[in-house]
Amino acid sequence: MTSVFSADGKNVPCTVIEAGPCVVTQVKTVEKDGYAALQLAYGEKKEKNTTKPMMGIFKKAGTTPKAHLAEFKFDEEHNLGDTITVELFSDAEFVDVVGTSKGKGFRSEHSRSGRPSA
């Protein structure tokens, strides 16, 4: 979360999103997989830390090993090895963002401040 100033000087709250570049590593089809989706990969990873089955996926797509994989439903047609950038959101005014916070376990209010609980 951050804020930016608009052209007329208003302070507008916004969320910064890092979205790409992502490489299409698999194209899922209804005929073959039962649903239509794209598997996207992003973030570099060392080849020595990548399993052989994953290396096969990256080699088919013609890209280097990536750290993260995710599937998304897409209406547009994309081919294996295409790069998707943040330009995908250029015509959108708002983007919904969903996040998951890290679990902190069972902690009382006082244990976070370092004071002993009474």
C-alpha atoms as a PDB file:
ATOM      1  CA  MET A   1       0.000   0.000   0.000  1.00  0.00           C
ATOM      2  CA  THR A   2       1.253   3.447  -0.889  1.00  0.00           C
ATOM      3  CA  SER A   3      -0.097   6.733  -2.118  1.00  0.00           C
ATOM      4  CA  VAL A   4       0.476   8.822  -5.224  1.00  0.00           C
ATOM      5  CA  PHE A   5      -0.407  12.377  -6.115  1.00  0.00           C
ATOM      6  CA  SER A   6      -2.828  12.928  -8.990  1.00  0.00           C
ATOM      7  CA  ALA A   7      -2.423  15.691 -11.582  1.00  0.00           C
ATOM      8  CA  ASP A   8      -4.671  18.024  -9.573  1.00  0.00           C
ATOM      9  CA  GLY A   9      -2.646  17.490  -6.370  1.00  0.00           C
ATOM     10  CA  LYS A  10      -4.885  14.965  -4.538  1.00  0.00           C
ATOM     11  CA  ASN A  11      -3.228  12.216  -2.509  1.00  0.00           C
ATOM     12  CA  VAL A  12      -4.671   8.911  -3.826  1.00  0.00           C
ATOM     13  CA  PRO A  13      -4.135   5.597  -1.969  1.00  0.00           C
ATOM     14  CA  CYS A  14      -3.075   2.717  -4.222  1.00  0.00           C
ATOM     15  CA  THR A  15      -1.580  -0.761  -4.193  1.00  0.00           C
ATOM     16  CA  VAL A  16       1.592  -1.420  -6.170  1.00  0.00           C
ATOM     17  CA  ILE A  17       1.471  -4.607  -8.266  1.00  0.00           C
ATOM     18  CA  GLU A  18       4.458  -6.311  -9.842  1.00  0.00           C
ATOM     19  CA  ALA A  19       3.002  -8.133 -12.839  1.00  0.00           C
ATOM     20  CA  GLY A  20       5.550  -9.571 -15.153  1.00  0.00           C
ATOM     21  CA  PRO A  21       7.065 -10.250 -17.406  1.00  0.00           C
ATOM     22  CA  CYS A  22       5.447 -13.700 -17.310  1.00  0.00           C
ATOM     23  CA  VAL A  23       6.121 -16.484 -19.819  1.00  0.00           C
ATOM     24  CA  VAL A  24       3.373 -18.860 -21.017  1.00  0.00           C
ATOM     25  CA  THR A  25       4.713 -22.326 -20.144  1.00  0.00           C
ATOM     26  CA  GLN A  26       1.573 -24.389 -20.864  1.00  0.00           C
ATOM     27  CA  VAL A  27      -1.696 -23.805 -22.707  1.00  0.00           C
ATOM     28  CA  LYS A  28      -4.526 -25.853 -21.154  1.00  0.00           C
ATOM     29  CA  THR A  29      -7.431 -26.682 -23.484  1.00  0.00           C
ATOM     30  CA  VAL A  30     -10.915 -28.052 -22.855  1.00  0.00           C
ATOM     31  CA  GLU A  31     -10.293 -30.967 -25.248  1.00  0.00           C
ATOM     32  CA  LYS A  32      -7.056 -32.094 -23.624  1.00  0.00           C
ATOM     33  CA  ASP A  33      -7.283 -30.952 -19.971  1.00  0.00           C
ATOM     34  CA  GLY A  34     -11.019 -30.431 -19.420  1.00  0.00           C
ATOM     35  CA  TYR A  35     -10.681 -26.674 -18.886  1.00  0.00           C
ATOM     36  CA  ALA A  36      -9.149 -23.665 -20.627  1.00  0.00           C
ATOM     37  CA  ALA A  37      -6.291 -21.852 -18.869  1.00  0.00           C
ATOM     38  CA  LEU A  38      -2.736 -20.613 -19.241  1.00  0.00           C
ATOM     39  CA  GLN A  39       0.143 -21.629 -17.003  1.00  0.00           C
ATOM     40  CA  LEU A  40       2.390 -18.613 -16.456  1.00  0.00           C
ATOM     41  CA  ALA A  41       5.893 -18.616 -14.961  1.00  0.00           C
ATOM     42  CA  TYR A  42       7.862 -15.717 -13.497  1.00  0.00           C
ATOM     43  CA  GLY A  43      10.960 -15.026 -11.429  1.00  0.00           C
ATOM     44  CA  GLU A  44      14.352 -16.503 -12.311  1.00  0.00           C
ATOM     45  CA  LYS A  45      15.628 -19.730 -10.748  1.00  0.00           C
ATOM     46  CA  LYS A  46      18.925 -21.606 -11.051  1.00  0.00           C
ATOM     47  CA  GLU A  47      18.921 -24.622 -13.351  1.00  0.00           C
ATOM     48  CA  LYS A  48      20.638 -26.795 -10.725  1.00  0.00           C
ATOM     49  CA  ASN A  49      17.701 -26.192  -8.334  1.00  0.00           C
ATOM     50  CA  THR A  50      15.072 -27.219 -10.899  1.00  0.00           C
ATOM     51  CA  THR A  51      13.746 -30.770 -11.249  1.00  0.00           C
ATOM     52  CA  LYS A  52      14.021 -32.585 -14.589  1.00  0.00           C
ATOM     53  CA  PRO A  53      10.242 -32.683 -15.188  1.00  0.00           C
ATOM     54  CA  MET A  54      10.047 -28.901 -14.649  1.00  0.00           C
ATOM     55  CA  MET A  55      13.057 -28.384 -16.938  1.00  0.00           C
ATOM     56  CA  GLY A  56      11.108 -30.234 -19.641  1.00  0.00           C
ATOM     57  CA  ILE A  57       8.221 -27.764 -19.289  1.00  0.00           C
ATOM     58  CA  PHE A  58      10.578 -24.779 -19.504  1.00  0.00           C
ATOM     59  CA  LYS A  59      12.483 -26.223 -22.489  1.00  0.00           C
ATOM     60  CA  LYS A  60       9.189 -26.757 -24.397  1.00  0.00           C
ATOM     61  CA  ALA A  61       8.291 -23.119 -23.761  1.00  0.00           C
ATOM     62  CA  GLY A  62      11.792 -22.031 -24.802  1.00  0.00           C
ATOM     63  CA  THR A  63      12.582 -20.176 -21.590  1.00  0.00           C
ATOM     64  CA  THR A  64      14.975 -20.339 -18.649  1.00  0.00           C
ATOM     65  CA  PRO A  65      13.867 -21.969 -15.366  1.00  0.00           C
ATOM     66  CA  LYS A  66      11.396 -19.853 -13.394  1.00  0.00           C
ATOM     67  CA  ALA A  67      10.734 -19.773  -9.663  1.00  0.00           C
ATOM     68  CA  HIS A  68       6.915 -19.480  -9.619  1.00  0.00           C
ATOM     69  CA  LEU A  69       4.149 -21.097 -11.653  1.00  0.00           C
ATOM     70  CA  ALA A  70       0.466 -20.153 -11.649  1.00  0.00           C
ATOM     71  CA  GLU A  71      -2.575 -20.937 -13.786  1.00  0.00           C
ATOM     72  CA  PHE A  72      -5.073 -18.329 -14.916  1.00  0.00           C
ATOM     73  CA  LYS A  73      -8.232 -18.467 -17.008  1.00  0.00           C
ATOM     74  CA  PHE A  74      -7.779 -16.300 -20.097  1.00  0.00           C
ATOM     75  CA  ASP A  75     -10.255 -15.285 -22.792  1.00  0.00           C
ATOM     76  CA  GLU A  76      -7.524 -14.219 -25.213  1.00  0.00           C
ATOM     77  CA  GLU A  77      -5.441 -16.588 -27.311  1.00  0.00           C
ATOM     78  CA  HIS A  78      -1.775 -16.970 -26.362  1.00  0.00           C
ATOM     79  CA  ASN A  79       0.873 -19.362 -27.624  1.00  0.00           C
ATOM     80  CA  LEU A  80       3.496 -21.371 -25.788  1.00  0.00           C
ATOM     81  CA  GLY A  81       6.503 -19.154 -24.996  1.00  0.00           C
ATOM     82  CA  ASP A  82       4.627 -15.824 -25.305  1.00  0.00           C
ATOM     83  CA  THR A  83       5.550 -13.121 -22.820  1.00  0.00           C
ATOM     84  CA  ILE A  84       2.755 -11.356 -20.951  1.00  0.00           C
ATOM     85  CA  THR A  85       3.599  -7.975 -19.422  1.00  0.00           C
ATOM     86  CA  VAL A  86       1.818  -5.392 -17.314  1.00  0.00           C
ATOM     87  CA  GLU A  87       0.483  -3.874 -20.564  1.00  0.00           C
ATOM     88  CA  LEU A  88      -2.352  -6.402 -20.151  1.00  0.00           C
ATOM     89  CA  PHE A  89      -3.849  -4.015 -17.563  1.00  0.00           C
ATOM     90  CA  SER A  90      -3.416  -0.833 -19.630  1.00  0.00           C
ATOM     91  CA  ASP A  91      -7.156  -0.370 -20.296  1.00  0.00           C
ATOM     92  CA  ALA A  92      -8.281  -1.337 -16.765  1.00  0.00           C
ATOM     93  CA  GLU A  93      -9.104   1.391 -14.293  1.00  0.00           C
ATOM     94  CA  PHE A  94      -9.118  -0.936 -11.270  1.00  0.00           C
ATOM     95  CA  VAL A  95      -7.602  -4.369 -10.596  1.00  0.00           C
ATOM     96  CA  ASP A  96      -8.838  -6.607  -7.762  1.00  0.00           C
ATOM     97  CA  VAL A  97      -5.979  -7.867  -5.596  1.00  0.00           C
ATOM     98  CA  VAL A  98      -6.321 -10.715  -3.108  1.00  0.00           C
ATOM     99  CA  GLY A  99      -3.565 -11.432  -0.610  1.00  0.00           C
ATOM    100  CA  THR A 100      -2.943 -13.981   2.110  1.00  0.00           C
ATOM    101  CA  SER A 101      -1.181 -12.864   5.254  1.00  0.00           C
ATOM    102  CA  LYS A 102       1.438 -14.983   6.967  1.00  0.00           C
ATOM    103  CA  GLY A 103       0.118 -16.987   9.911  1.00  0.00           C
ATOM    104  CA  LYS A 104       1.346 -15.765  13.281  1.00  0.00           C
ATOM    105  CA  GLY A 105      -0.065 -18.582  15.411  1.00  0.00           C
ATOM    106  CA  PHE A 106      -1.805 -17.971  18.726  1.00  0.00           C
ATOM    107  CA  ARG A 107      -0.391 -14.800  20.239  1.00  0.00           C
ATOM    108  CA  SER A 108      -1.879 -12.464  22.766  1.00  0.00           C
ATOM    109  CA  GLU A 109      -1.738  -8.702  22.297  1.00  0.00           C
ATOM    110  CA  HIS A 110       0.975  -8.325  24.976  1.00  0.00           C
ATOM    111  CA  SER A 111       3.301 -10.976  23.599  1.00  0.00           C
ATOM    112  CA  ARG A 112       3.823  -8.888  20.449  1.00  0.00           C
ATOM    113  CA  SER A 113       5.053  -5.866  22.383  1.00  0.00           C
ATOM    114  CA  GLY A 114       7.628  -7.831  24.347  1.00  0.00           C
ATOM    115  CA  ARG A 115       5.942  -7.094  27.677  1.00  0.00           C
ATOM    116  CA  PRO A 116       5.068 -10.052  29.907  1.00  0.00           C
ATOM    117  CA  SER A 117       1.355 -10.850  29.996  1.00  0.00           C
ATOM    118  CA  ALA A 118      -0.397 -10.408  33.322  1.00  0.00           C
END
